[in-house]
Amino acid sequence: MPELPEVEIVRSGLERLLSGAAVAGIDLHRRDVRRPMPASLRTLSGPVRAVRRRAKYLCIDLDGGGILCHLGMTGSWRVAVDVRPHDHATVRLADGRRLVYNDPRRFGVLDRLRPDGGHPDLDGLGHEPLSDDFTGAALAACFADRRGPVKPALMDQGLVVGVGNIYAAESLFRAGIDPRTPAGSLRRPRLDRLAHCVREVLAEAIAAGGSSISDFRHAGGEEGWFQHAFRVYGRGGEPCLTCGTVLRGMALGGRATVWCPRCQRQRTR
C-alpha cells in the first residue's frame, strides 16, 4: 500500500496536471470501490483550487467541496487517451482532458469533501512527519502511555500519519532502535534521533520517486526507485549492509518486521 512518499509524489504529479484547470464534470463507472462512491461526486465542477495531501489521502479542492481519494493498494490516476479495465471514475476537465481513476483491486476510496475541505476520514489523524511540529517532544507526548513496541506505535495513524511498514522499518534502523523496544520507554535523545530519521527517510524516498515494490506508479506512469536503498525492509536473513550481522525477522503488530540485532539495540537512552 502506498505510504506518505508515494502519495506525496502522486499529489505533486496531479498538482502539475491540474494547475489552472477546471472540472467540467465527473463520471462514475461503478457504484463503489472499497465503499460506495456518492452520486453527489457527479455534481462537482469548477476551478481546481488546490491539490493537497493529508496523511495518505489526496484532496482535490473545488468550490463548494472537492474529491477525497485514498489509493488503497492499487489505485492510480492518469490522463486518459483510452478506456482500460478497472477504470472506475473519470474527471472531465474543461480543456477536454480526462483524468481517470483506475483501481484493479478496488481497495481505494473516492468520496466528496465537505465545503470546508474536511471529511470524517481526516478527523483524528496524528502528526504530519514532514511538518515543523514533528519533533522528539511530539513523539514523547504520543508515546508517553504506550507500553507496546515502538514500530506499531510509529505506524499508528492516530499518532503519526503516513509512516507504514517500509518507512517505519528503515527509520528505526537509521535511528539504531530495536523495533520491539516499548515506545513509552524511549528517552528524549533517542526520540529526537527517531524524529530526525523519519523525516530524513521520507524526504529521501520522495526525492527518489518513492518505492515501487508492487503496483505503485506516479501519475505519469513512472516507477520509483527508493526500494533499491532499503537497508532492512524485506531483507530478513540477509547480512546487514552496515555491520554484516544476519538480519532478523518476525511478525510484529501483524506486520513483517526486520531489524539488525547489532545496529539496533533495546536501550532507551
C-alpha atoms as a PDB file:
ATOM      1  CA  MET A   1       0.000   0.000   0.000  1.00  0.00           C
ATOM      2  CA  PRO A   2       1.407   3.438  -0.876  1.00  0.00           C
ATOM      3  CA  GLU A   3       2.828   5.304   2.097  1.00  0.00           C
ATOM      4  CA  LEU A   4       3.414   9.031   2.562  1.00  0.00           C
ATOM      5  CA  PRO A   5       6.210   9.433  -0.040  1.00  0.00           C
ATOM      6  CA  GLU A   6       4.238   7.666  -2.764  1.00  0.00           C
ATOM      7  CA  VAL A   7       1.069   9.647  -2.038  1.00  0.00           C
ATOM      8  CA  GLU A   8       3.046  12.905  -1.962  1.00  0.00           C
ATOM      9  CA  ILE A   9       4.563  12.059  -5.358  1.00  0.00           C
ATOM     10  CA  VAL A  10       1.109  11.387  -6.815  1.00  0.00           C
ATOM     11  CA  ARG A  11      -0.110  14.655  -5.275  1.00  0.00           C
ATOM     12  CA  SER A  12       2.740  16.572  -6.881  1.00  0.00           C
ATOM     13  CA  GLY A  13       2.015  14.981 -10.258  1.00  0.00           C
ATOM     14  CA  LEU A  14      -1.692  15.781 -10.008  1.00  0.00           C
ATOM     15  CA  GLU A  15      -0.892  19.335  -8.977  1.00  0.00           C
ATOM     16  CA  ARG A  16       1.129  19.788 -12.167  1.00  0.00           C
ATOM     17  CA  LEU A  17      -1.608  18.203 -14.294  1.00  0.00           C
ATOM     18  CA  LEU A  18      -4.383  20.269 -12.706  1.00  0.00           C
ATOM     19  CA  SER A  19      -2.625  23.625 -12.426  1.00  0.00           C
ATOM     20  CA  GLY A  20      -5.002  26.219 -13.898  1.00  0.00           C
ATOM     21  CA  ALA A  21      -7.557  23.525 -14.787  1.00  0.00           C
ATOM     22  CA  ALA A  22     -11.280  23.401 -14.143  1.00  0.00           C
ATOM     23  CA  VAL A  23     -13.517  20.385 -13.661  1.00  0.00           C
ATOM     24  CA  ALA A  24     -16.438  20.132 -16.084  1.00  0.00           C
ATOM     25  CA  GLY A  25     -17.935  17.027 -14.501  1.00  0.00           C
ATOM     26  CA  ILE A  26     -17.248  13.596 -13.023  1.00  0.00           C
ATOM     27  CA  ASP A  27     -18.422  10.270 -14.419  1.00  0.00           C
ATOM     28  CA  LEU A  28     -18.692   7.236 -12.124  1.00  0.00           C
ATOM     29  CA  HIS A  29     -18.359   3.895 -13.907  1.00  0.00           C
ATOM     30  CA  ARG A  30     -19.466   1.736 -10.979  1.00  0.00           C
ATOM     31  CA  ARG A  31     -21.179   2.208  -7.635  1.00  0.00           C
ATOM     32  CA  ASP A  32     -18.287   1.521  -5.328  1.00  0.00           C
ATOM     33  CA  VAL A  33     -14.641   0.777  -4.781  1.00  0.00           C
ATOM     34  CA  ARG A  34     -13.779  -0.081  -1.147  1.00  0.00           C
ATOM     35  CA  ARG A  35     -17.067   1.586  -0.230  1.00  0.00           C
ATOM     36  CA  PRO A  36     -19.810   3.355  -2.207  1.00  0.00           C
ATOM     37  CA  MET A  37     -18.864   6.413  -4.246  1.00  0.00           C
ATOM     38  CA  PRO A  38     -21.511   9.094  -3.569  1.00  0.00           C
ATOM     39  CA  ALA A  39     -23.595  10.125  -6.549  1.00  0.00           C
ATOM     40  CA  SER A  40     -23.030  13.748  -5.468  1.00  0.00           C
ATOM     41  CA  LEU A  41     -19.497  13.490  -6.906  1.00  0.00           C
ATOM     42  CA  ARG A  42     -21.125  13.846 -10.332  1.00  0.00           C
ATOM     43  CA  THR A  43     -22.284  17.361  -9.469  1.00  0.00           C
ATOM     44  CA  LEU A  44     -18.811  18.724  -8.684  1.00  0.00           C
ATOM     45  CA  SER A  45     -17.404  21.279 -11.104  1.00  0.00           C
ATOM     46  CA  GLY A  46     -15.375  24.467 -11.220  1.00  0.00           C
ATOM     47  CA  PRO A  47     -11.754  25.591 -10.945  1.00  0.00           C
ATOM     48  CA  VAL A  48      -9.255  23.408  -9.124  1.00  0.00           C
ATOM     49  CA  ARG A  49      -8.219  25.465  -6.088  1.00  0.00           C
ATOM     50  CA  ALA A  50      -5.588  23.117  -4.642  1.00  0.00           C
ATOM     51  CA  VAL A  51      -4.311  19.548  -4.618  1.00  0.00           C
ATOM     52  CA  ARG A  52      -3.454  18.577  -1.040  1.00  0.00           C
ATOM     53  CA  ARG A  53      -2.226  15.562   0.879  1.00  0.00           C
ATOM     54  CA  ARG A  54      -3.289  14.730   4.437  1.00  0.00           C
ATOM     55  CA  ALA A  55      -1.723  11.536   5.726  1.00  0.00           C
ATOM     56  CA  LYS A  56      -2.232   9.002   2.909  1.00  0.00           C
ATOM     57  CA  TYR A  57      -5.239  10.854   1.467  1.00  0.00           C
ATOM     58  CA  LEU A  58      -5.342  13.070  -1.621  1.00  0.00           C
ATOM     59  CA  CYS A  59      -7.689  16.061  -1.662  1.00  0.00           C
ATOM     60  CA  ILE A  60      -8.617  17.920  -4.850  1.00  0.00           C
ATOM     61  CA  ASP A  61     -10.275  21.146  -3.702  1.00  0.00           C
ATOM     62  CA  LEU A  62     -13.021  22.790  -5.756  1.00  0.00           C
ATOM     63  CA  ASP A  63     -15.522  25.493  -4.861  1.00  0.00           C
ATOM     64  CA  GLY A  64     -18.178  24.007  -2.594  1.00  0.00           C
ATOM     65  CA  GLY A  65     -16.360  20.750  -1.930  1.00  0.00           C
ATOM     66  CA  GLY A  66     -13.901  18.513  -3.708  1.00  0.00           C
ATOM     67  CA  ILE A  67     -12.629  14.966  -4.160  1.00  0.00           C
ATOM     68  CA  LEU A  68     -11.172  12.797  -1.399  1.00  0.00           C
ATOM     69  CA  CYS A  69      -9.061   9.876  -2.622  1.00  0.00           C
ATOM     70  CA  HIS A  70      -7.231   7.050  -0.894  1.00  0.00           C
ATOM     71  CA  LEU A  71      -5.241   4.911  -3.328  1.00  0.00           C
ATOM     72  CA  GLY A  72      -5.658   1.708  -1.345  1.00  0.00           C
ATOM     73  CA  MET A  73      -3.280  -0.923  -2.708  1.00  0.00           C
ATOM     74  CA  THR A  74      -3.585  -0.484  -6.471  1.00  0.00           C
ATOM     75  CA  GLY A  75      -5.223   2.881  -7.112  1.00  0.00           C
ATOM     76  CA  SER A  76      -3.710   5.268  -9.664  1.00  0.00           C
ATOM     77  CA  TRP A  77      -4.536   8.373 -11.676  1.00  0.00           C
ATOM     78  CA  ARG A  78      -3.688   9.047 -15.309  1.00  0.00           C
ATOM     79  CA  VAL A  79      -4.651  11.376 -18.127  1.00  0.00           C
ATOM     80  CA  ALA A  80      -6.632   9.018 -20.350  1.00  0.00           C
ATOM     81  CA  VAL A  81      -6.319   8.564 -24.065  1.00  0.00           C
ATOM     82  CA  ASP A  82      -8.199   5.264 -23.976  1.00  0.00           C
ATOM     83  CA  VAL A  83     -10.514   3.244 -21.759  1.00  0.00           C
ATOM     84  CA  ARG A  84      -8.954   0.409 -19.776  1.00  0.00           C
ATOM     85  CA  PRO A  85     -10.261  -2.318 -17.486  1.00  0.00           C
ATOM     86  CA  HIS A  86     -10.728  -1.191 -13.874  1.00  0.00           C
ATOM     87  CA  ASP A  87     -11.273   2.488 -14.769  1.00  0.00           C
ATOM     88  CA  HIS A  88     -13.845   3.424 -12.113  1.00  0.00           C
ATOM     89  CA  ALA A  89     -14.192   7.209 -12.379  1.00  0.00           C
ATOM     90  CA  THR A  90     -13.369   9.933 -14.897  1.00  0.00           C
ATOM     91  CA  VAL A  91     -12.832  13.589 -14.042  1.00  0.00           C
ATOM     92  CA  ARG A  92     -13.674  15.560 -17.197  1.00  0.00           C
ATOM     93  CA  LEU A  93     -11.677  18.768 -17.424  1.00  0.00           C
ATOM     94  CA  ALA A  94     -12.888  21.902 -19.169  1.00  0.00           C
ATOM     95  CA  ASP A  95      -9.919  21.802 -21.572  1.00  0.00           C
ATOM     96  CA  GLY A  96     -11.011  18.402 -22.892  1.00  0.00           C
ATOM     97  CA  ARG A  97      -8.607  16.193 -20.937  1.00  0.00           C
ATOM     98  CA  ARG A  98      -9.878  13.205 -18.963  1.00  0.00           C
ATOM     99  CA  LEU A  99      -8.316  12.320 -15.613  1.00  0.00           C
ATOM    100  CA  VAL A 100      -9.129   8.694 -14.815  1.00  0.00           C
ATOM    101  CA  TYR A 101      -9.010   6.762 -11.546  1.00  0.00           C
ATOM    102  CA  ASN A 102      -8.034   3.101 -12.034  1.00  0.00           C
ATOM    103  CA  ASP A 103      -8.045   0.516  -9.213  1.00  0.00           C
ATOM    104  CA  PRO A 104      -7.877  -3.208 -10.078  1.00  0.00           C
ATOM    105  CA  ARG A 105      -8.292  -4.472  -6.504  1.00  0.00           C
ATOM    106  CA  ARG A 106     -10.808  -1.757  -5.525  1.00  0.00           C
ATOM    107  CA  PHE A 107      -9.313  -1.117  -2.067  1.00  0.00           C
ATOM    108  CA  GLY A 108      -9.197   2.628  -2.679  1.00  0.00           C
ATOM    109  CA  VAL A 109     -11.671   5.330  -1.708  1.00  0.00           C
ATOM    110  CA  LEU A 110     -13.320   8.092  -3.736  1.00  0.00           C
ATOM    111  CA  ASP A 111     -15.575  10.395  -1.747  1.00  0.00           C
ATOM    112  CA  ARG A 112     -16.726  14.001  -1.579  1.00  0.00           C
ATOM    113  CA  LEU A 113     -15.110  16.604   0.649  1.00  0.00           C
ATOM    114  CA  ARG A 114     -17.212  18.982   2.681  1.00  0.00           C
ATOM    115  CA  PRO A 115     -17.341  22.622   1.531  1.00  0.00           C
ATOM    116  CA  ASP A 116     -14.721  23.439   4.181  1.00  0.00           C
ATOM    117  CA  GLY A 117     -12.379  20.814   2.712  1.00  0.00           C
ATOM    118  CA  GLY A 118     -12.875  18.399   5.590  1.00  0.00           C
ATOM    119  CA  HIS A 119     -14.045  14.789   5.750  1.00  0.00           C
ATOM    120  CA  PRO A 120     -14.655  12.262   8.564  1.00  0.00           C
ATOM    121  CA  ASP A 121     -11.691  10.187   7.342  1.00  0.00           C
ATOM    122  CA  LEU A 122      -9.416  13.164   8.018  1.00  0.00           C
ATOM    123  CA  ASP A 123     -10.621  13.699  11.576  1.00  0.00           C
ATOM    124  CA  GLY A 124      -8.452  12.429  14.418  1.00  0.00           C
ATOM    125  CA  LEU A 125      -5.297  11.948  12.364  1.00  0.00           C
ATOM    126  CA  GLY A 126      -1.901  12.365  14.000  1.00  0.00           C
ATOM    127  CA  HIS A 127       1.200  14.425  13.330  1.00  0.00           C
ATOM    128  CA  GLU A 128       2.424  15.042   9.791  1.00  0.00           C
ATOM    129  CA  PRO A 129       6.041  13.829   9.926  1.00  0.00           C
ATOM    130  CA  LEU A 130       7.228  16.424   7.405  1.00  0.00           C
ATOM    131  CA  SER A 131       5.739  19.313   9.371  1.00  0.00           C
ATOM    132  CA  ASP A 132       7.713  21.608  11.667  1.00  0.00           C
ATOM    133  CA  ASP A 133       5.909  20.315  14.762  1.00  0.00           C
ATOM    134  CA  PHE A 134       7.127  16.740  14.266  1.00  0.00           C
ATOM    135  CA  THR A 135       9.866  16.560  16.884  1.00  0.00           C
ATOM    136  CA  GLY A 136      11.197  14.336  19.609  1.00  0.00           C
ATOM    137  CA  ALA A 137       8.968  16.216  22.026  1.00  0.00           C
ATOM    138  CA  ALA A 138       5.926  15.420  19.886  1.00  0.00           C
ATOM    139  CA  LEU A 139       6.882  11.738  19.835  1.00  0.00           C
ATOM    140  CA  ALA A 140       7.408  11.775  23.594  1.00  0.00           C
ATOM    141  CA  ALA A 141       3.856  13.046  24.050  1.00  0.00           C
ATOM    142  CA  CYS A 142       2.483  10.456  21.602  1.00  0.00           C
ATOM    143  CA  PHE A 143       4.326   7.532  23.166  1.00  0.00           C
ATOM    144  CA  ALA A 144       4.025   8.524  26.832  1.00  0.00           C
ATOM    145  CA  ASP A 145       1.469   5.842  27.741  1.00  0.00           C
ATOM    146  CA  ARG A 146       2.481   3.247  25.155  1.00  0.00           C
ATOM    147  CA  ARG A 147       3.820   0.032  26.619  1.00  0.00           C
ATOM    148  CA  GLY A 148       3.791  -1.830  23.317  1.00  0.00           C
ATOM    149  CA  PRO A 149       6.591  -1.946  20.727  1.00  0.00           C
ATOM    150  CA  VAL A 150       7.713   1.272  19.084  1.00  0.00           C
ATOM    151  CA  LYS A 151       7.262   0.120  15.483  1.00  0.00           C
ATOM    152  CA  PRO A 152       3.466  -0.369  15.634  1.00  0.00           C
ATOM    153  CA  ALA A 153       3.201   2.897  17.588  1.00  0.00           C
ATOM    154  CA  LEU A 154       5.094   4.733  14.855  1.00  0.00           C
ATOM    155  CA  MET A 155       2.652   3.276  12.313  1.00  0.00           C
ATOM    156  CA  ASP A 156      -0.445   4.288  14.307  1.00  0.00           C
ATOM    157  CA  GLN A 157      -2.159   6.882  12.089  1.00  0.00           C
ATOM    158  CA  GLY A 158      -3.729   8.487  15.144  1.00  0.00           C
ATOM    159  CA  LEU A 159      -0.232   9.357  16.370  1.00  0.00           C
ATOM    160  CA  VAL A 160       1.905   9.807  13.247  1.00  0.00           C
ATOM    161  CA  VAL A 161       0.444   9.758   9.746  1.00  0.00           C
ATOM    162  CA  GLY A 162       1.759   8.250   6.545  1.00  0.00           C
ATOM    163  CA  VAL A 163       4.508   6.054   8.012  1.00  0.00           C
ATOM    164  CA  GLY A 164       3.769   2.461   7.039  1.00  0.00           C
ATOM    165  CA  ASN A 165       5.785  -0.723   7.287  1.00  0.00           C
ATOM    166  CA  ILE A 166       8.553   0.225   4.848  1.00  0.00           C
ATOM    167  CA  TYR A 167       9.449   3.619   6.256  1.00  0.00           C
ATOM    168  CA  ALA A 168       8.980   2.635   9.897  1.00  0.00           C
ATOM    169  CA  ALA A 169      11.489  -0.198   9.418  1.00  0.00           C
ATOM    170  CA  GLU A 170      14.000   1.995   7.599  1.00  0.00           C
ATOM    171  CA  SER A 171      13.665   4.885  10.070  1.00  0.00           C
ATOM    172  CA  LEU A 172      14.146   2.671  13.116  1.00  0.00           C
ATOM    173  CA  PHE A 173      17.248   1.161  11.521  1.00  0.00           C
ATOM    174  CA  ARG A 174      18.783   4.579  10.949  1.00  0.00           C
ATOM    175  CA  ALA A 175      17.896   5.630  14.481  1.00  0.00           C
ATOM    176  CA  GLY A 176      19.502   2.465  15.895  1.00  0.00           C
ATOM    177  CA  ILE A 177      16.313   1.449  17.697  1.00  0.00           C
ATOM    178  CA  ASP A 178      15.153  -2.151  18.031  1.00  0.00           C
ATOM    179  CA  PRO A 179      11.535  -2.203  16.744  1.00  0.00           C
ATOM    180  CA  ARG A 180      10.494  -4.303  19.776  1.00  0.00           C
ATOM    181  CA  THR A 181      11.503  -1.594  22.253  1.00  0.00           C
ATOM    182  CA  PRO A 182       8.497  -0.380  24.313  1.00  0.00           C
ATOM    183  CA  ALA A 183       7.573   3.006  22.844  1.00  0.00           C
ATOM    184  CA  GLY A 184       6.976   4.631  26.224  1.00  0.00           C
ATOM    185  CA  SER A 185      10.434   3.660  27.479  1.00  0.00           C
ATOM    186  CA  LEU A 186      12.354   5.738  24.927  1.00  0.00           C
ATOM    187  CA  ARG A 187      14.019   8.880  26.285  1.00  0.00           C
ATOM    188  CA  ARG A 188      14.158  12.239  24.539  1.00  0.00           C
ATOM    189  CA  PRO A 189      17.614  11.899  22.909  1.00  0.00           C
ATOM    190  CA  ARG A 190      16.523   8.723  21.135  1.00  0.00           C
ATOM    191  CA  LEU A 191      13.159  10.219  20.209  1.00  0.00           C
ATOM    192  CA  ASP A 192      14.902  13.305  18.814  1.00  0.00           C
ATOM    193  CA  ARG A 193      17.022  10.975  16.716  1.00  0.00           C
ATOM    194  CA  LEU A 194      13.983   8.961  15.599  1.00  0.00           C
ATOM    195  CA  ALA A 195      12.047  12.078  14.535  1.00  0.00           C
ATOM    196  CA  HIS A 196      15.067  13.231  12.533  1.00  0.00           C
ATOM    197  CA  CYS A 197      15.465   9.829  10.863  1.00  0.00           C
ATOM    198  CA  VAL A 198      11.772   9.585   9.951  1.00  0.00           C
ATOM    199  CA  ARG A 199      11.934  12.984   8.244  1.00  0.00           C
ATOM    200  CA  GLU A 200      15.221  12.086   6.548  1.00  0.00           C
ATOM    201  CA  VAL A 201      13.985   8.748   5.191  1.00  0.00           C
ATOM    202  CA  LEU A 202      10.710  10.207   3.926  1.00  0.00           C
ATOM    203  CA  ALA A 203      12.483  13.108   2.220  1.00  0.00           C
ATOM    204  CA  GLU A 204      14.949  10.758   0.525  1.00  0.00           C
ATOM    205  CA  ALA A 205      12.135   8.478  -0.605  1.00  0.00           C
ATOM    206  CA  ILE A 206      10.249  11.415  -2.138  1.00  0.00           C
ATOM    207  CA  ALA A 207      13.406  12.561  -3.934  1.00  0.00           C
ATOM    208  CA  ALA A 208      13.866   9.004  -5.262  1.00  0.00           C
ATOM    209  CA  GLY A 209      10.328   8.826  -6.608  1.00  0.00           C
ATOM    210  CA  GLY A 210       9.005   6.540  -3.887  1.00  0.00           C
ATOM    211  CA  SER A 211       9.187   2.758  -3.607  1.00  0.00           C
ATOM    212  CA  SER A 212       7.748   0.618  -6.414  1.00  0.00           C
ATOM    213  CA  ILE A 213       7.623  -2.845  -4.856  1.00  0.00           C
ATOM    214  CA  SER A 214       4.267  -3.922  -6.325  1.00  0.00           C
ATOM    215  CA  ASP A 215       1.786  -1.690  -8.143  1.00  0.00           C
ATOM    216  CA  PHE A 216       2.838   1.859  -7.305  1.00  0.00           C
ATOM    217  CA  ARG A 217       3.242   4.230 -10.247  1.00  0.00           C
ATOM    218  CA  HIS A 218       3.440   8.026 -10.486  1.00  0.00           C
ATOM    219  CA  ALA A 219       0.580   9.985 -12.042  1.00  0.00           C
ATOM    220  CA  GLY A 220       2.615   9.843 -15.260  1.00  0.00           C
ATOM    221  CA  GLY A 221       3.116   6.071 -15.041  1.00  0.00           C
ATOM    222  CA  GLU A 222       6.784   6.071 -13.924  1.00  0.00           C
ATOM    223  CA  GLU A 223       8.175   3.814 -11.195  1.00  0.00           C
ATOM    224  CA  GLY A 224      10.069   4.938  -8.106  1.00  0.00           C
ATOM    225  CA  TRP A 225      13.433   3.503  -7.107  1.00  0.00           C
ATOM    226  CA  PHE A 226      13.840   4.005  -3.340  1.00  0.00           C
ATOM    227  CA  GLN A 227      13.387   0.228  -2.967  1.00  0.00           C
ATOM    228  CA  HIS A 228      16.994  -0.092  -4.130  1.00  0.00           C
ATOM    229  CA  ALA A 229      18.090   1.811  -0.992  1.00  0.00           C
ATOM    230  CA  PHE A 230      16.341  -0.429   1.559  1.00  0.00           C
ATOM    231  CA  ARG A 231      18.642  -1.363   4.441  1.00  0.00           C
ATOM    232  CA  VAL A 232      16.315  -3.764   6.278  1.00  0.00           C
ATOM    233  CA  TYR A 233      12.810  -3.914   4.782  1.00  0.00           C
ATOM    234  CA  GLY A 234      12.283  -7.246   3.018  1.00  0.00           C
ATOM    235  CA  ARG A 235      15.862  -8.393   3.773  1.00  0.00           C
ATOM    236  CA  GLY A 236      15.348 -10.843   6.640  1.00  0.00           C
ATOM    237  CA  GLY A 237      18.113 -13.481   6.739  1.00  0.00           C
ATOM    238  CA  GLU A 238      20.485 -11.357   4.673  1.00  0.00           C
ATOM    239  CA  PRO A 239      23.605  -9.622   6.036  1.00  0.00           C
ATOM    240  CA  CYS A 240      23.302  -6.112   7.418  1.00  0.00           C
ATOM    241  CA  LEU A 241      24.777  -3.692   4.913  1.00  0.00           C
ATOM    242  CA  THR A 242      26.393  -1.759   7.776  1.00  0.00           C
ATOM    243  CA  CYS A 243      27.900  -4.441  10.035  1.00  0.00           C
ATOM    244  CA  GLY A 244      27.395  -7.770   8.267  1.00  0.00           C
ATOM    245  CA  THR A 245      25.251  -9.305  11.036  1.00  0.00           C
ATOM    246  CA  VAL A 246      22.425 -11.517   9.781  1.00  0.00           C
ATOM    247  CA  LEU A 247      19.174  -9.539   9.870  1.00  0.00           C
ATOM    248  CA  ARG A 248      16.377 -10.970  11.996  1.00  0.00           C
ATOM    249  CA  GLY A 249      12.718 -11.087  11.092  1.00  0.00           C
ATOM    250  CA  MET A 250       9.429 -11.669  12.883  1.00  0.00           C
ATOM    251  CA  ALA A 251       5.793 -10.606  12.826  1.00  0.00           C
ATOM    252  CA  LEU A 252       5.235  -7.537  14.991  1.00  0.00           C
ATOM    253  CA  GLY A 253       1.837  -5.944  15.262  1.00  0.00           C
ATOM    254  CA  GLY A 254       0.676  -8.205  12.461  1.00  0.00           C
ATOM    255  CA  ARG A 255       3.338  -6.932  10.054  1.00  0.00           C
ATOM    256  CA  ALA A 256       6.594  -8.476   8.864  1.00  0.00           C
ATOM    257  CA  THR A 257       9.459  -6.785  10.699  1.00  0.00           C
ATOM    258  CA  VAL A 258      13.190  -6.970  10.001  1.00  0.00           C
ATOM    259  CA  TRP A 259      15.999  -5.453  12.067  1.00  0.00           C
ATOM    260  CA  CYS A 260      19.711  -5.754  12.777  1.00  0.00           C
ATOM    261  CA  PRO A 261      20.394  -7.162  16.274  1.00  0.00           C
ATOM    262  CA  ARG A 262      23.755  -5.367  16.381  1.00  0.00           C
ATOM    263  CA  CYS A 263      22.897  -1.935  14.929  1.00  0.00           C
ATOM    264  CA  GLN A 264      19.503  -1.713  16.636  1.00  0.00           C
ATOM    265  CA  ARG A 265      19.520  -2.173  20.386  1.00  0.00           C
ATOM    266  CA  GLN A 266      16.774  -2.222  23.032  1.00  0.00           C
ATOM    267  CA  ARG A 267      18.335   0.540  25.071  1.00  0.00           C
ATOM    268  CA  THR A 268      16.284   3.592  25.967  1.00  0.00           C
ATOM    269  CA  ARG A 269      18.813   6.410  26.255  1.00  0.00           C
END
